[in-house]
């Protein structure tokens, strides 16, 4: 009985920690998405400067966080929900 209670407690703690790690990754990706939007706007406003490498790096970082999340498709849908559903790299 005590062992079962201990196992349930440990399982509950494990689930809680997974959720918080997912939320941390999601929040980090949202910050990256905001940065991506800023860089894209800067790239459009300054035609002499090419920020494609910076945009590619931010996209790679977001996709890496999506893989770490354990559910890449859901994660990317949450991050890019205001973009075209078929385009997770943010291009419209």
PDB file of N, CA and C in Angstrom:
ATOM      1  N   UNK A   1       0.831  -1.183   0.000  1.00  0.00           N
ATOM      2  CA  UNK A   1       0.000   0.000   0.000  1.00  0.00           C
ATOM      3  C   UNK A   1       0.882   1.255   0.000  1.00  0.00           C
ATOM      4  N   UNK A   2       1.905   1.275   0.869  1.00  0.00           N
ATOM      5  CA  UNK A   2       2.793   2.434   0.920  1.00  0.00           C
ATOM      6  C   UNK A   2       3.574   2.570  -0.384  1.00  0.00           C
ATOM      7  N   UNK A   3       3.957   1.428  -0.935  1.00  0.00           N
ATOM      8  CA  UNK A   3       4.700   1.444  -2.189  1.00  0.00           C
ATOM      9  C   UNK A   3       3.843   2.009  -3.311  1.00  0.00           C
ATOM     10  N   UNK A   4       2.589   1.621  -3.348  1.00  0.00           N
ATOM     11  CA  UNK A   4       1.679   2.125  -4.377  1.00  0.00           C
ATOM     12  C   UNK A   4       1.485   3.634  -4.232  1.00  0.00           C
ATOM     13  N   UNK A   5       1.342   4.099  -3.012  1.00  0.00           N
ATOM     14  CA  UNK A   5       1.186   5.541  -2.771  1.00  0.00           C
ATOM     15  C   UNK A   5       2.439   6.295  -3.198  1.00  0.00           C
ATOM     16  N   UNK A   6       3.590   5.741  -2.893  1.00  0.00           N
ATOM     17  CA  UNK A   6       4.850   6.360  -3.279  1.00  0.00           C
ATOM     18  C   UNK A   6       4.983   6.411  -4.796  1.00  0.00           C
ATOM     19  N   UNK A   7       4.609   5.329  -5.475  1.00  0.00           N
ATOM     20  CA  UNK A   7       4.675   5.295  -6.931  1.00  0.00           C
ATOM     21  C   UNK A   7       3.731   6.324  -7.557  1.00  0.00           C
ATOM     22  N   UNK A   8       2.531   6.448  -7.001  1.00  0.00           N
ATOM     23  CA  UNK A   8       1.581   7.435  -7.513  1.00  0.00           C
ATOM     24  C   UNK A   8       2.099   8.851  -7.306  1.00  0.00           C
ATOM     25  N   UNK A   9       2.716   9.086  -6.160  1.00  0.00           N
ATOM     26  CA  UNK A   9       3.282  10.399  -5.874  1.00  0.00           C
ATOM     27  C   UNK A   9       4.413  10.720  -6.850  1.00  0.00           C
ATOM     28  N   UNK A  10       5.301   9.773  -7.072  1.00  0.00           N
ATOM     29  CA  UNK A  10       6.408   9.975  -8.001  1.00  0.00           C
ATOM     30  C   UNK A  10       5.904  10.187  -9.429  1.00  0.00           C
ATOM     31  N   UNK A  11       4.901   9.444  -9.816  1.00  0.00           N
ATOM     32  CA  UNK A  11       4.327   9.599 -11.148  1.00  0.00           C
ATOM     33  C   UNK A  11       3.707  10.984 -11.302  1.00  0.00           C
ATOM     34  N   UNK A  12       3.011  11.446 -10.275  1.00  0.00           N
ATOM     35  CA  UNK A  12       2.421  12.787 -10.303  1.00  0.00           C
ATOM     36  C   UNK A  12       3.475  13.870 -10.416  1.00  0.00           C
ATOM     37  N   UNK A  13       4.574  13.715  -9.682  1.00  0.00           N
ATOM     38  CA  UNK A  13       5.666  14.684  -9.764  1.00  0.00           C
ATOM     39  C   UNK A  13       6.323  14.664 -11.137  1.00  0.00           C
ATOM     40  N   UNK A  14       6.484  13.483 -11.690  1.00  0.00           N
ATOM     41  CA  UNK A  14       7.069  13.348 -13.018  1.00  0.00           C
ATOM     42  C   UNK A  14       6.206  14.052 -14.061  1.00  0.00           C
ATOM     43  N   UNK A  15       4.895  13.843 -13.999  1.00  0.00           N
ATOM     44  CA  UNK A  15       3.987  14.480 -14.964  1.00  0.00           C
ATOM     45  C   UNK A  15       4.007  15.999 -14.807  1.00  0.00           C
ATOM     46  N   UNK A  16       4.062  16.469 -13.591  1.00  0.00           N
ATOM     47  CA  UNK A  16       4.098  17.911 -13.349  1.00  0.00           C
ATOM     48  C   UNK A  16       5.378  18.522 -13.897  1.00  0.00           C
ATOM     49  N   UNK A  17       6.495  17.836 -13.734  1.00  0.00           N
ATOM     50  CA  UNK A  17       7.758  18.380 -14.235  1.00  0.00           C
ATOM     51  C   UNK A  17       7.797  18.366 -15.757  1.00  0.00           C
ATOM     52  N   UNK A  18       7.198  17.387 -16.398  1.00  0.00           N
ATOM     53  CA  UNK A  18       7.152  17.353 -17.860  1.00  0.00           C
ATOM     54  C   UNK A  18       6.339  18.517 -18.392  1.00  0.00           C
ATOM     55  N   UNK A  19       5.235  18.786 -17.760  1.00  0.00           N
ATOM     56  CA  UNK A  19       4.397  19.894 -18.189  1.00  0.00           C
ATOM     57  C   UNK A  19       5.153  21.207 -18.060  1.00  0.00           C
ATOM     58  N   UNK A  20       5.851  21.400 -16.982  1.00  0.00           N
ATOM     59  CA  UNK A  20       6.551  22.660 -16.799  1.00  0.00           C
ATOM     60  C   UNK A  20       7.712  22.802 -17.798  1.00  0.00           C
ATOM     61  N   UNK A  21       8.377  21.723 -18.131  1.00  0.00           N
ATOM     62  CA  UNK A  21       9.439  21.792 -19.129  1.00  0.00           C
ATOM     63  C   UNK A  21       8.857  22.128 -20.491  1.00  0.00           C
ATOM     64  N   UNK A  22       7.714  21.549 -20.831  1.00  0.00           N
ATOM     65  CA  UNK A  22       7.059  21.859 -22.092  1.00  0.00           C
ATOM     66  C   UNK A  22       6.700  23.346 -22.124  1.00  0.00           C
ATOM     67  N   UNK A  23       6.150  23.838 -21.033  1.00  0.00           N
ATOM     68  CA  UNK A  23       5.783  25.260 -20.967  1.00  0.00           C
ATOM     69  C   UNK A  23       7.009  26.154 -21.093  1.00  0.00           C
ATOM     70  N   UNK A  24       8.120  25.758 -20.486  1.00  0.00           N
ATOM     71  CA  UNK A  24       9.357  26.535 -20.612  1.00  0.00           C
ATOM     72  C   UNK A  24       9.808  26.598 -22.069  1.00  0.00           C
ATOM     73  N   UNK A  25       9.777  25.467 -22.746  1.00  0.00           N
ATOM     74  CA  UNK A  25      10.172  25.432 -24.151  1.00  0.00           C
ATOM     75  C   UNK A  25       9.206  26.263 -24.998  1.00  0.00           C
ATOM     76  N   UNK A  26       7.931  26.172 -24.689  1.00  0.00           N
ATOM     77  CA  UNK A  26       6.926  26.930 -25.424  1.00  0.00           C
ATOM     78  C   UNK A  26       7.139  28.431 -25.243  1.00  0.00           C
ATOM     79  N   UNK A  27       7.397  28.843 -24.015  1.00  0.00           N
ATOM     80  CA  UNK A  27       7.653  30.262 -23.756  1.00  0.00           C
ATOM     81  C   UNK A  27       8.921  30.739 -24.462  1.00  0.00           C
ATOM     82  N   UNK A  28       9.948  29.915 -24.443  1.00  0.00           N
ATOM     83  CA  UNK A  28      11.192  30.272 -25.124  1.00  0.00           C
ATOM     84  C   UNK A  28      10.957  30.403 -26.632  1.00  0.00           C
ATOM     85  N   UNK A  29      10.169  29.499 -27.188  1.00  0.00           N
ATOM     86  CA  UNK A  29       9.869  29.550 -28.620  1.00  0.00           C
ATOM     87  C   UNK A  29       9.026  30.779 -28.965  1.00  0.00           C
ATOM     88  N   UNK A  30       8.137  31.180 -28.070  1.00  0.00           N
ATOM     89  CA  UNK A  30       7.336  32.385 -28.317  1.00  0.00           C
ATOM     90  C   UNK A  30       8.224  33.626 -28.344  1.00  0.00           C
ATOM     91  N   UNK A  31       9.221  33.665 -27.487  1.00  0.00           N
ATOM     92  CA  UNK A  31      10.182  34.780 -27.504  1.00  0.00           C
ATOM     93  C   UNK A  31      10.941  34.773 -28.828  1.00  0.00           C
ATOM     94  N   UNK A  32      11.364  33.581 -29.259  1.00  0.00           N
ATOM     95  CA  UNK A  32      12.068  33.464 -30.536  1.00  0.00           C
ATOM     96  C   UNK A  32      11.175  33.880 -31.700  1.00  0.00           C
ATOM     97  N   UNK A  33       9.903  33.527 -31.634  1.00  0.00           N
ATOM     98  CA  UNK A  33       8.972  33.909 -32.702  1.00  0.00           C
ATOM     99  C   UNK A  33       8.838  35.427 -32.764  1.00  0.00           C
ATOM    100  N   UNK A  34       8.756  36.082 -31.610  1.00  0.00           N
ATOM    101  CA  UNK A  34       8.688  37.544 -31.593  1.00  0.00           C
ATOM    102  C   UNK A  34       9.956  38.142 -32.198  1.00  0.00           C
ATOM    103  N   UNK A  35      11.085  37.550 -31.866  1.00  0.00           N
ATOM    104  CA  UNK A  35      12.357  38.016 -32.439  1.00  0.00           C
ATOM    105  C   UNK A  35      12.363  37.795 -33.948  1.00  0.00           C
ATOM    106  N   UNK A  36      11.843  36.658 -34.390  1.00  0.00           N
ATOM    107  CA  UNK A  36      11.762  36.356 -35.814  1.00  0.00           C
ATOM    108  C   UNK A  36      10.937  37.417 -36.541  1.00  0.00           C
ATOM    109  N   UNK A  37       9.806  37.793 -35.971  1.00  0.00           N
ATOM    110  CA  UNK A  37       8.961  38.813 -36.586  1.00  0.00           C
ATOM    111  C   UNK A  37       9.689  40.155 -36.652  1.00  0.00           C
ATOM    112  N   UNK A  38      10.421  40.492 -35.605  1.00  0.00           N
ATOM    113  CA  UNK A  38      11.180  41.748 -35.584  1.00  0.00           C
ATOM    114  C   UNK A  38      12.264  41.745 -36.652  1.00  0.00           C
ATOM    115  N   UNK A  39      12.986  40.639 -36.761  1.00  0.00           N
ATOM    116  CA  UNK A  39      14.055  40.537 -37.756  1.00  0.00           C
ATOM    117  C   UNK A  39      13.473  40.600 -39.162  1.00  0.00           C
ATOM    118  N   UNK A  40      12.363  39.956 -39.392  1.00  0.00           N
ATOM    119  CA  UNK A  40      11.724  39.989 -40.718  1.00  0.00           C
ATOM    120  C   UNK A  40      11.305  41.411 -41.084  1.00  0.00           C
ATOM    121  N   UNK A  41      10.724  42.118 -40.124  1.00  0.00           N
ATOM    122  CA  UNK A  41      10.321  43.507 -40.393  1.00  0.00           C
ATOM    123  C   UNK A  41      11.550  44.357 -40.688  1.00  0.00           C
ATOM    124  N   UNK A  42      12.617  44.148 -39.923  1.00  0.00           N
ATOM    125  CA  UNK A  42      13.858  44.884 -40.171  1.00  0.00           C
ATOM    126  C   UNK A  42      14.405  44.562 -41.545  1.00  0.00           C
ATOM    127  N   UNK A  43      14.316  43.323 -41.944  1.00  0.00           N
ATOM    128  CA  UNK A  43      14.821  42.887 -43.239  1.00  0.00           C
ATOM    129  C   UNK A  43      14.038  43.549 -44.375  1.00  0.00           C
ATOM    130  N   UNK A  44      12.737  43.728 -44.182  1.00  0.00           N
ATOM    131  CA  UNK A  44      11.915  44.367 -45.209  1.00  0.00           C
ATOM    132  C   UNK A  44      12.174  45.877 -45.264  1.00  0.00           C
ATOM    133  N   UNK A  45      12.467  46.478 -44.116  1.00  0.00           N
ATOM    134  CA  UNK A  45      12.660  47.925 -44.045  1.00  0.00           C
ATOM    135  C   UNK A  45      14.050  48.370 -44.460  1.00  0.00           C
ATOM    136  N   UNK A  46      15.001  47.465 -44.463  1.00  0.00           N
ATOM    137  CA  UNK A  46      16.379  47.810 -44.843  1.00  0.00           C
ATOM    138  C   UNK A  46      16.815  46.885 -45.970  1.00  0.00           C
ATOM    139  N   UNK A  47      16.516  47.281 -47.213  1.00  0.00           N
ATOM    140  CA  UNK A  47      16.793  46.392 -48.341  1.00  0.00           C
ATOM    141  C   UNK A  47      18.272  46.088 -48.558  1.00  0.00           C
ATOM    142  N   UNK A  48      19.169  46.941 -48.080  1.00  0.00           N
ATOM    143  CA  UNK A  48      20.588  46.699 -48.283  1.00  0.00           C
ATOM    144  C   UNK A  48      21.175  45.665 -47.336  1.00  0.00           C
ATOM    145  N   UNK A  49      20.417  45.290 -46.318  1.00  0.00           N
ATOM    146  CA  UNK A  49      20.910  44.342 -45.318  1.00  0.00           C
ATOM    147  C   UNK A  49      20.163  43.019 -45.483  1.00  0.00           C
ATOM    148  N   UNK A  50      20.908  41.936 -45.591  1.00  0.00           N
ATOM    149  CA  UNK A  50      20.294  40.619 -45.727  1.00  0.00           C
ATOM    150  C   UNK A  50      20.405  39.878 -44.401  1.00  0.00           C
ATOM    151  N   UNK A  51      19.267  39.641 -43.798  1.00  0.00           N
ATOM    152  CA  UNK A  51      19.233  38.967 -42.502  1.00  0.00           C
ATOM    153  C   UNK A  51      18.752  37.517 -42.626  1.00  0.00           C
ATOM    154  N   UNK A  52      18.909  36.928 -43.802  1.00  0.00           N
ATOM    155  CA  UNK A  52      18.397  35.574 -44.014  1.00  0.00           C
ATOM    156  C   UNK A  52      19.078  34.545 -43.116  1.00  0.00           C
ATOM    157  N   UNK A  53      20.361  34.753 -42.816  1.00  0.00           N
ATOM    158  CA  UNK A  53      21.049  33.811 -41.919  1.00  0.00           C
ATOM    159  C   UNK A  53      20.462  33.886 -40.510  1.00  0.00           C
ATOM    160  N   UNK A  54      20.182  35.096 -40.052  1.00  0.00           N
ATOM    161  CA  UNK A  54      19.578  35.271 -38.719  1.00  0.00           C
ATOM    162  C   UNK A  54      18.183  34.650 -38.679  1.00  0.00           C
ATOM    163  N   UNK A  55      17.416  34.851 -39.737  1.00  0.00           N
ATOM    164  CA  UNK A  55      16.064  34.272 -39.818  1.00  0.00           C
ATOM    165  C   UNK A  55      16.153  32.743 -39.811  1.00  0.00           C
ATOM    166  N   UNK A  56      17.082  32.185 -40.571  1.00  0.00           N
ATOM    167  CA  UNK A  56      17.255  30.726 -40.622  1.00  0.00           C
ATOM    168  C   UNK A  56      17.663  30.178 -39.257  1.00  0.00           C
ATOM    169  N   UNK A  57      18.543  30.885 -38.549  1.00  0.00           N
ATOM    170  CA  UNK A  57      18.980  30.416 -37.228  1.00  0.00           C
ATOM    171  C   UNK A  57      17.825  30.422 -36.234  1.00  0.00           C
ATOM    172  N   UNK A  58      17.019  31.463 -36.260  1.00  0.00           N
ATOM    173  CA  UNK A  58      15.870  31.534 -35.347  1.00  0.00           C
ATOM    174  C   UNK A  58      14.889  30.414 -35.667  1.00  0.00           C
ATOM    175  N   UNK A  59      14.625  30.181 -36.951  1.00  0.00           N
ATOM    176  CA  UNK A  59      13.738  29.073 -37.339  1.00  0.00           C
ATOM    177  C   UNK A  59      14.294  27.735 -36.866  1.00  0.00           C
ATOM    178  N   UNK A  60      15.593  27.528 -37.028  1.00  0.00           N
ATOM    179  CA  UNK A  60      16.223  26.285 -36.572  1.00  0.00           C
ATOM    180  C   UNK A  60      16.071  26.121 -35.060  1.00  0.00           C
ATOM    181  N   UNK A  61      16.259  27.210 -34.317  1.00  0.00           N
ATOM    182  CA  UNK A  61      16.117  27.148 -32.855  1.00  0.00           C
ATOM    183  C   UNK A  61      14.691  26.782 -32.451  1.00  0.00           C
ATOM    184  N   UNK A  62      13.714  27.365 -33.139  1.00  0.00           N
ATOM    185  CA  UNK A  62      12.307  27.054 -32.832  1.00  0.00           C
ATOM    186  C   UNK A  62      12.023  25.589 -33.153  1.00  0.00           C
ATOM    187  N   UNK A  63      12.501  25.106 -34.279  1.00  0.00           N
ATOM    188  CA  UNK A  63      12.268  23.706 -34.651  1.00  0.00           C
ATOM    189  C   UNK A  63      12.986  22.740 -33.702  1.00  0.00           C
ATOM    190  N   UNK A  64      14.145  23.125 -33.217  1.00  0.00           N
ATOM    191  CA  UNK A  64      14.854  22.295 -32.236  1.00  0.00           C
ATOM    192  C   UNK A  64      14.034  22.190 -30.949  1.00  0.00           C
ATOM    193  N   UNK A  65      13.488  23.304 -30.489  1.00  0.00           N
ATOM    194  CA  UNK A  65      12.640  23.274 -29.292  1.00  0.00           C
ATOM    195  C   UNK A  65      11.396  22.419 -29.539  1.00  0.00           C
ATOM    196  N   UNK A  66      10.879  22.453 -30.760  1.00  0.00           N
ATOM    197  CA  UNK A  66       9.705  21.639 -31.093  1.00  0.00           C
ATOM    198  C   UNK A  66      10.028  20.155 -30.992  1.00  0.00           C
ATOM    199  N   UNK A  67      11.197  19.766 -31.463  1.00  0.00           N
ATOM    200  CA  UNK A  67      11.608  18.355 -31.374  1.00  0.00           C
ATOM    201  C   UNK A  67      11.768  17.951 -29.915  1.00  0.00           C
ATOM    202  N   UNK A  68      12.384  18.824 -29.124  1.00  0.00           N
ATOM    203  CA  UNK A  68      12.561  18.526 -27.702  1.00  0.00           C
ATOM    204  C   UNK A  68      11.242  18.423 -26.955  1.00  0.00           C
ATOM    205  N   UNK A  69      10.233  19.118 -27.447  1.00  0.00           N
ATOM    206  CA  UNK A  69       8.937  19.129 -26.758  1.00  0.00           C
ATOM    207  C   UNK A  69       8.275  17.754 -26.741  1.00  0.00           C
ATOM    208  N   UNK A  70       8.612  16.913 -27.715  1.00  0.00           N
ATOM    209  CA  UNK A  70       8.020  15.574 -27.768  1.00  0.00           C
ATOM    210  C   UNK A  70       6.834  15.496 -28.707  1.00  0.00           C
ATOM    211  N   UNK A  71       6.271  16.635 -29.095  1.00  0.00           N
ATOM    212  CA  UNK A  71       5.162  16.656 -30.042  1.00  0.00           C
ATOM    213  C   UNK A  71       5.369  17.837 -30.971  1.00  0.00           C
ATOM    214  N   UNK A  72       6.202  17.619 -31.963  1.00  0.00           N
ATOM    215  CA  UNK A  72       6.644  18.701 -32.847  1.00  0.00           C
ATOM    216  C   UNK A  72       5.477  19.410 -33.529  1.00  0.00           C
ATOM    217  N   UNK A  73       4.545  18.650 -34.073  1.00  0.00           N
ATOM    218  CA  UNK A  73       3.441  19.247 -34.818  1.00  0.00           C
ATOM    219  C   UNK A  73       2.567  20.130 -33.928  1.00  0.00           C
ATOM    220  N   UNK A  74       2.201  19.641 -32.769  1.00  0.00           N
ATOM    221  CA  UNK A  74       1.388  20.431 -31.845  1.00  0.00           C
ATOM    222  C   UNK A  74       2.128  21.687 -31.400  1.00  0.00           C
ATOM    223  N   UNK A  75       3.389  21.523 -31.080  1.00  0.00           N
ATOM    224  CA  UNK A  75       4.223  22.637 -30.626  1.00  0.00           C
ATOM    225  C   UNK A  75       4.285  23.728 -31.693  1.00  0.00           C
ATOM    226  N   UNK A  76       4.572  23.339 -32.929  1.00  0.00           N
ATOM    227  CA  UNK A  76       4.669  24.314 -34.009  1.00  0.00           C
ATOM    228  C   UNK A  76       3.320  24.962 -34.308  1.00  0.00           C
ATOM    229  N   UNK A  77       2.240  24.186 -34.179  1.00  0.00           N
ATOM    230  CA  UNK A  77       0.905  24.775 -34.351  1.00  0.00           C
ATOM    231  C   UNK A  77       0.639  25.849 -33.304  1.00  0.00           C
ATOM    232  N   UNK A  78       1.079  25.618 -32.080  1.00  0.00           N
ATOM    233  CA  UNK A  78       0.884  26.612 -31.024  1.00  0.00           C
ATOM    234  C   UNK A  78       1.723  27.858 -31.281  1.00  0.00           C
ATOM    235  N   UNK A  79       2.942  27.679 -31.741  1.00  0.00           N
ATOM    236  CA  UNK A  79       3.832  28.814 -31.981  1.00  0.00           C
ATOM    237  C   UNK A  79       3.390  29.607 -33.198  1.00  0.00           C
ATOM    238  N   UNK A  80       3.097  28.933 -34.286  1.00  0.00           N
ATOM    239  CA  UNK A  80       2.773  29.610 -35.537  1.00  0.00           C
ATOM    240  C   UNK A  80       1.279  29.583 -35.839  1.00  0.00           C
ATOM    241  N   UNK A  81       0.451  29.644 -34.821  1.00  0.00           N
ATOM    242  CA  UNK A  81      -0.995  29.562 -35.021  1.00  0.00           C
ATOM    243  C   UNK A  81      -1.536  30.704 -35.879  1.00  0.00           C
ATOM    244  N   UNK A  82      -0.855  31.858 -35.900  1.00  0.00           N
ATOM    245  CA  UNK A  82      -1.328  32.981 -36.701  1.00  0.00           C
ATOM    246  C   UNK A  82      -0.731  33.003 -38.111  1.00  0.00           C
ATOM    247  N   UNK A  83       0.076  31.979 -38.428  1.00  0.00           N
ATOM    248  CA  UNK A  83       0.657  31.854 -39.759  1.00  0.00           C
ATOM    249  C   UNK A  83      -0.116  30.808 -40.533  1.00  0.00           C
ATOM    250  N   UNK A  84       0.237  30.671 -41.788  1.00  0.00           N
ATOM    251  CA  UNK A  84      -0.325  29.644 -42.645  1.00  0.00           C
ATOM    252  C   UNK A  84      -0.046  28.274 -42.025  1.00  0.00           C
ATOM    253  N   UNK A  85      -1.068  27.453 -41.867  1.00  0.00           N
ATOM    254  CA  UNK A  85      -0.930  26.155 -41.204  1.00  0.00           C
ATOM    255  C   UNK A  85       0.066  25.248 -41.913  1.00  0.00           C
ATOM    256  N   UNK A  86       0.182  25.363 -43.230  1.00  0.00           N
ATOM    257  CA  UNK A  86       1.064  24.495 -43.992  1.00  0.00           C
ATOM    258  C   UNK A  86       2.509  24.996 -44.013  1.00  0.00           C
ATOM    259  N   UNK A  87       2.788  26.090 -43.334  1.00  0.00           N
ATOM    260  CA  UNK A  87       4.115  26.692 -43.420  1.00  0.00           C
ATOM    261  C   UNK A  87       4.651  26.961 -42.035  1.00  0.00           C
ATOM    262  N   UNK A  88       5.320  25.992 -41.435  1.00  0.00           N
ATOM    263  CA  UNK A  88       5.817  26.131 -40.078  1.00  0.00           C
ATOM    264  C   UNK A  88       7.100  26.953 -39.988  1.00  0.00           C
ATOM    265  N   UNK A  89       7.676  27.281 -41.142  1.00  0.00           N
ATOM    266  CA  UNK A  89       8.874  28.109 -41.071  1.00  0.00           C
ATOM    267  C   UNK A  89       8.515  29.586 -40.971  1.00  0.00           C
ATOM    268  N   UNK A  90       7.208  29.873 -40.995  1.00  0.00           N
ATOM    269  CA  UNK A  90       6.752  31.239 -40.792  1.00  0.00           C
ATOM    270  C   UNK A  90       6.538  32.000 -42.071  1.00  0.00           C
ATOM    271  N   UNK A  91       6.939  31.470 -43.217  1.00  0.00           N
ATOM    272  CA  UNK A  91       6.703  32.201 -44.463  1.00  0.00           C
ATOM    273  C   UNK A  91       5.255  32.037 -44.862  1.00  0.00           C
ATOM    274  N   UNK A  92       4.736  33.075 -45.440  1.00  0.00           N
ATOM    275  CA  UNK A  92       3.313  33.020 -45.803  1.00  0.00           C
ATOM    276  C   UNK A  92       3.107  32.926 -47.283  1.00  0.00           C
TER     277      UNK A  92
END
